[in-house]
C-alpha atoms as a PDB file:
ATOM      1  CA  MET A   1       1.995   3.089 -11.958  1.00  0.00           C
ATOM      2  CA  THR A   2       4.241   5.646 -10.796  1.00  0.00           C
ATOM      3  CA  VAL A   3       4.750   6.880  -7.232  1.00  0.00           C
ATOM      4  CA  GLU A   4       2.759  10.232  -8.588  1.00  0.00           C
ATOM      5  CA  GLU A   5      -0.556   7.823  -9.664  1.00  0.00           C
ATOM      6  CA  LEU A   6      -0.337   5.172  -6.197  1.00  0.00           C
ATOM      7  CA  GLN A   7      -0.671   8.989  -4.382  1.00  0.00           C
ATOM      8  CA  ASP A   8      -3.283  10.023  -6.381  1.00  0.00           C
ATOM      9  CA  ARG A   9      -5.755   7.258  -7.221  1.00  0.00           C
ATOM     10  CA  PHE A  10      -4.847   4.518  -4.334  1.00  0.00           C
ATOM     11  CA  PRO A  11      -6.606   6.321  -1.626  1.00  0.00           C
ATOM     12  CA  ALA A  12      -9.926   6.574  -3.700  1.00  0.00           C
ATOM     13  CA  ARG A  13      -9.735   2.922  -4.368  1.00  0.00           C
ATOM     14  CA  ILE A  14      -9.363   2.080  -0.933  1.00  0.00           C
ATOM     15  CA  GLY A  15     -12.321   3.897   0.014  1.00  0.00           C
ATOM     16  CA  ALA A  16     -14.384   2.438  -2.658  1.00  0.00           C
ATOM     17  CA  GLY A  17     -14.548  -0.868  -0.188  1.00  0.00           C
ATOM     18  CA  GLY A  18     -13.004  -4.180   0.763  1.00  0.00           C
ATOM     19  CA  PRO A  19      -9.254  -4.525   0.777  1.00  0.00           C
ATOM     20  CA  ARG A  20      -6.550  -4.259  -1.965  1.00  0.00           C
ATOM     21  CA  VAL A  21      -3.485  -5.653  -2.556  1.00  0.00           C
ATOM     22  CA  VAL A  22      -0.274  -3.955  -3.478  1.00  0.00           C
ATOM     23  CA  LYS A  23       2.524  -5.978  -5.149  1.00  0.00           C
ATOM     24  CA  GLN A  24       5.850  -4.727  -6.399  1.00  0.00           C
ATOM     25  CA  TYR A  25       5.860  -5.691 -10.198  1.00  0.00           C
ATOM     26  CA  ARG A  26       9.026  -7.801  -9.400  1.00  0.00           C
ATOM     27  CA  GLY A  27       8.197  -9.279  -5.907  1.00  0.00           C
ATOM     28  CA  ASN A  28       8.247 -12.705  -5.191  1.00  0.00           C
ATOM     29  CA  GLY A  29       7.709 -14.958  -2.420  1.00  0.00           C
ATOM     30  CA  GLY A  30       6.075 -12.577  -0.659  1.00  0.00           C
ATOM     31  CA  ILE A  31       8.550 -10.274  -0.582  1.00  0.00           C
ATOM     32  CA  GLY A  32       7.037  -6.435  -1.403  1.00  0.00           C
ATOM     33  CA  VAL A  33       3.098  -7.899  -1.255  1.00  0.00           C
ATOM     34  CA  GLN A  34       1.110  -6.403   0.854  1.00  0.00           C
ATOM     35  CA  LYS A  35      -2.607  -6.448   2.102  1.00  0.00           C
ATOM     36  CA  VAL A  36      -4.379  -3.256   2.864  1.00  0.00           C
ATOM     37  CA  GLU A  37      -7.588  -2.689   4.320  1.00  0.00           C
ATOM     38  CA  LEU A  38      -9.069   0.929   4.859  1.00  0.00           C
ATOM     39  CA  VAL A  39     -10.137   1.321   9.211  1.00  0.00           C
ATOM     40  CA  THR A  40     -10.978   4.229   9.824  1.00  0.00           C
ATOM     41  CA  ARG A  41     -11.959   7.127   6.831  1.00  0.00           C
ATOM     42  CA  GLY A  42     -10.965  10.259   7.539  1.00  0.00           C
ATOM     43  CA  SER A  43     -11.415  13.417   6.165  1.00  0.00           C
ATOM     44  CA  SER A  44      -7.743  13.427   4.125  1.00  0.00           C
ATOM     45  CA  VAL A  45      -5.212  11.106   3.286  1.00  0.00           C
ATOM     46  CA  ALA A  46      -3.247  11.988   6.293  1.00  0.00           C
ATOM     47  CA  GLU A  47      -6.806  11.040   8.810  1.00  0.00           C
ATOM     48  CA  SER A  48      -7.545   8.120   7.456  1.00  0.00           C
ATOM     49  CA  ILE A  49      -5.869   4.974   8.840  1.00  0.00           C
ATOM     50  CA  VAL A  50      -5.176   1.201   7.308  1.00  0.00           C
ATOM     51  CA  ARG A  51      -4.596  -1.683   8.151  1.00  0.00           C
ATOM     52  CA  VAL A  52      -1.675  -3.668   6.604  1.00  0.00           C
ATOM     53  CA  GLN A  53      -0.509  -7.135   6.640  1.00  0.00           C
ATOM     54  CA  SER A  54       2.757  -8.277   5.034  1.00  0.00           C
ATOM     55  CA  ALA A  55       2.088 -11.605   2.993  1.00  0.00           C
ATOM     56  CA  ARG A  56       6.150 -12.176   3.456  1.00  0.00           C
ATOM     57  CA  MET A  57       5.288 -14.764   6.052  1.00  0.00           C
ATOM     58  CA  ARG A  58       2.077 -16.620   6.976  1.00  0.00           C
ATOM     59  CA  ASP A  59       0.097 -15.177   9.447  1.00  0.00           C
ATOM     60  CA  GLU A  60       2.463 -12.159   9.461  1.00  0.00           C
ATOM     61  CA  THR A  61       0.924  -9.742  11.553  1.00  0.00           C
ATOM     62  CA  THR A  62      -0.969  -6.640  11.286  1.00  0.00           C
ATOM     63  CA  GLU A  63      -0.118  -2.566  11.571  1.00  0.00           C
ATOM     64  CA  ASP A  64      -2.328   0.077  11.962  1.00  0.00           C
ATOM     65  CA  VAL A  65      -1.145   3.337  10.195  1.00  0.00           C
ATOM     66  CA  ARG A  66      -2.432   6.503   8.421  1.00  0.00           C
ATOM     67  CA  LEU A  67      -2.986   6.254   4.861  1.00  0.00           C
ATOM     68  CA  ALA A  68      -0.799   8.464   3.760  1.00  0.00           C
ATOM     69  CA  GLU A  69       2.285   7.513   6.307  1.00  0.00           C
ATOM     70  CA  PHE A  70       1.760   3.941   3.980  1.00  0.00           C
ATOM     71  CA  LEU A  71       1.962   5.710   0.581  1.00  0.00           C
ATOM     72  CA  GLN A  72       5.434   7.208   1.756  1.00  0.00           C
ATOM     73  CA  ARG A  73       6.752   4.028   2.754  1.00  0.00           C
ATOM     74  CA  CYS A  74       5.614   2.342  -1.237  1.00  0.00           C
ATOM     75  CA  GLU A  75       8.205   5.568  -2.255  1.00  0.00           C
ATOM     76  CA  LYS A  76      10.893   2.786  -1.566  1.00  0.00           C
ATOM     77  CA  TYR A  77       9.249   0.375  -4.442  1.00  0.00           C
ATOM     78  CA  PHE A  78      10.321   2.903  -7.454  1.00  0.00           C
ATOM     79  CA  THR A  79      13.326   3.269  -6.762  1.00  0.00           C
ATOM     80  CA  TYR A  80      15.198  -0.076  -7.043  1.00  0.00           C
ATOM     81  CA  ALA A  81      15.871   0.445 -10.779  1.00  0.00           C
ATOM     82  CA  ALA A  82      14.390   2.163 -14.064  1.00  0.00           C
ATOM     83  CA  GLY A  83      11.079   1.099 -14.622  1.00  0.00           C
ATOM     84  CA  ALA A  84      10.694  -0.330 -11.140  1.00  0.00           C
ATOM     85  CA  CYS A  85       6.741   0.157 -10.148  1.00  0.00           C
ATOM     86  CA  VAL A  86       3.937  -1.216  -8.188  1.00  0.00           C
ATOM     87  CA  THR A  87       0.567  -2.754  -9.555  1.00  0.00           C
END
């Protein structure tokens, strides 16, 4: 998956119901693994709110952010190396 595909497809997937797990292809030990759940569905990606929880540490705190901001944060996972991706 590319960053563009993530930005295009993820809003519909998270809106379909239930939490989603976003994981760096090369992540381990919870690094780059996040549970994402829709909190408020807005009329656009910029208005929708998601709850994000990192899997790096047990009982990690959650953070509510705009879906657009979460997707922007994920861009770094695609820049580590050629062929980097998110699953």
